[in-house]
Amino acid sequence: MSAVVLTFQEVDGKAKPYQVRQFITIVEKYHLQMVEDDADL
């Protein structure tokens, strides 16, 4: 697996639409999931 670099530049506190699309594409491509970290509780 090669590294993927995403750069987010917010405008008025929001990501640009093309950046959100890039992020979603990467999440779907690599089947990424959010995992809760119980160590912070």
N, C-alpha and C. Protein backbone atom coordinates (compact mmCIF):
# COMPACT_ATOMS: atom_id res chain seq x y z
N MET A 1 0.85 -1.17 0.00
CA MET A 1 0.00 0.00 0.00
C MET A 1 0.90 1.23 0.00
N SER A 2 0.62 2.15 -0.89
CA SER A 2 1.40 3.38 -0.95
C SER A 2 0.75 4.46 -0.08
N ALA A 3 1.54 5.41 0.34
CA ALA A 3 1.04 6.51 1.18
C ALA A 3 0.17 7.45 0.36
N VAL A 4 -0.84 7.97 1.01
CA VAL A 4 -1.73 8.93 0.39
C VAL A 4 -1.69 10.20 1.23
N VAL A 5 -1.42 11.32 0.60
CA VAL A 5 -1.37 12.59 1.31
C VAL A 5 -2.58 13.42 0.92
N LEU A 6 -3.34 13.83 1.93
CA LEU A 6 -4.47 14.71 1.71
C LEU A 6 -4.21 16.00 2.47
N THR A 7 -4.44 17.12 1.82
CA THR A 7 -4.28 18.41 2.46
C THR A 7 -5.64 19.08 2.52
N PHE A 8 -6.02 19.51 3.73
CA PHE A 8 -7.31 20.16 3.91
C PHE A 8 -7.08 21.63 4.23
N GLN A 9 -7.71 22.48 3.46
CA GLN A 9 -7.62 23.92 3.67
C GLN A 9 -9.03 24.43 3.86
N GLU A 10 -9.36 24.73 5.11
CA GLU A 10 -10.72 25.17 5.40
C GLU A 10 -10.95 26.62 5.01
N VAL A 11 -12.19 26.89 4.69
CA VAL A 11 -12.63 28.25 4.38
C VAL A 11 -13.87 28.49 5.23
N ASP A 12 -13.79 29.48 6.09
CA ASP A 12 -14.89 29.77 7.02
C ASP A 12 -15.25 28.55 7.86
N GLY A 13 -14.25 27.77 8.26
CA GLY A 13 -14.47 26.61 9.12
C GLY A 13 -14.99 25.37 8.40
N LYS A 14 -15.00 25.39 7.08
CA LYS A 14 -15.52 24.25 6.32
C LYS A 14 -14.49 23.78 5.31
N ALA A 15 -14.48 22.45 5.07
CA ALA A 15 -13.61 21.89 4.04
C ALA A 15 -14.18 22.22 2.67
N LYS A 16 -13.32 22.27 1.68
CA LYS A 16 -13.77 22.51 0.32
C LYS A 16 -14.42 21.23 -0.21
N PRO A 17 -15.46 21.35 -1.04
CA PRO A 17 -16.19 20.16 -1.52
C PRO A 17 -15.29 19.12 -2.18
N TYR A 18 -14.31 19.53 -2.99
CA TYR A 18 -13.46 18.54 -3.66
C TYR A 18 -12.61 17.80 -2.65
N GLN A 19 -12.26 18.44 -1.53
CA GLN A 19 -11.47 17.77 -0.50
C GLN A 19 -12.30 16.70 0.22
N VAL A 20 -13.56 16.99 0.44
CA VAL A 20 -14.45 16.00 1.06
C VAL A 20 -14.59 14.80 0.13
N ARG A 21 -14.75 15.05 -1.17
CA ARG A 21 -14.86 13.96 -2.13
C ARG A 21 -13.58 13.11 -2.14
N GLN A 22 -12.42 13.75 -2.10
CA GLN A 22 -11.14 13.02 -2.06
C GLN A 22 -11.07 12.14 -0.81
N PHE A 23 -11.46 12.71 0.33
CA PHE A 23 -11.42 11.98 1.59
C PHE A 23 -12.33 10.76 1.55
N ILE A 24 -13.56 10.94 1.06
CA ILE A 24 -14.51 9.82 0.98
C ILE A 24 -13.99 8.74 0.04
N THR A 25 -13.38 9.13 -1.07
CA THR A 25 -12.82 8.16 -2.01
C THR A 25 -11.74 7.31 -1.34
N ILE A 26 -10.87 7.93 -0.56
CA ILE A 26 -9.79 7.20 0.13
C ILE A 26 -10.38 6.27 1.19
N VAL A 27 -11.35 6.76 1.95
CA VAL A 27 -11.99 5.93 2.99
C VAL A 27 -12.61 4.69 2.35
N GLU A 28 -13.32 4.87 1.24
CA GLU A 28 -13.95 3.74 0.57
C GLU A 28 -12.93 2.81 -0.07
N LYS A 29 -11.92 3.35 -0.69
CA LYS A 29 -10.90 2.55 -1.38
C LYS A 29 -10.18 1.61 -0.42
N TYR A 30 -9.84 2.12 0.77
CA TYR A 30 -9.07 1.33 1.73
C TYR A 30 -9.94 0.75 2.84
N HIS A 31 -11.26 0.85 2.70
CA HIS A 31 -12.21 0.29 3.68
C HIS A 31 -11.87 0.75 5.10
N LEU A 32 -11.62 2.05 5.26
CA LEU A 32 -11.27 2.59 6.56
C LEU A 32 -12.50 2.72 7.43
N GLN A 33 -12.28 2.57 8.74
CA GLN A 33 -13.37 2.68 9.70
C GLN A 33 -12.88 3.45 10.91
N MET A 34 -13.80 4.14 11.57
CA MET A 34 -13.48 4.84 12.81
C MET A 34 -13.55 3.82 13.94
N VAL A 35 -12.59 3.91 14.84
CA VAL A 35 -12.57 3.02 16.00
C VAL A 35 -12.46 3.87 17.25
N GLU A 36 -13.31 3.57 18.23
CA GLU A 36 -13.24 4.32 19.50
C GLU A 36 -12.03 3.85 20.29
N ASP A 37 -11.39 4.80 20.93
CA ASP A 37 -10.22 4.49 21.76
C ASP A 37 -10.65 4.61 23.22
N ASP A 38 -10.82 3.47 23.88
CA ASP A 38 -11.27 3.45 25.27
C ASP A 38 -10.24 3.99 26.23
N ALA A 39 -9.00 4.17 25.80
CA ALA A 39 -7.94 4.67 26.68
C ALA A 39 -8.22 6.12 27.11
N ASP A 40 -8.97 6.86 26.32
CA ASP A 40 -9.27 8.25 26.64
C ASP A 40 -10.41 8.40 27.64
N LEU A 41 -11.11 7.30 27.93
CA LEU A 41 -12.27 7.39 28.84
C LEU A 41 -11.85 7.33 30.28
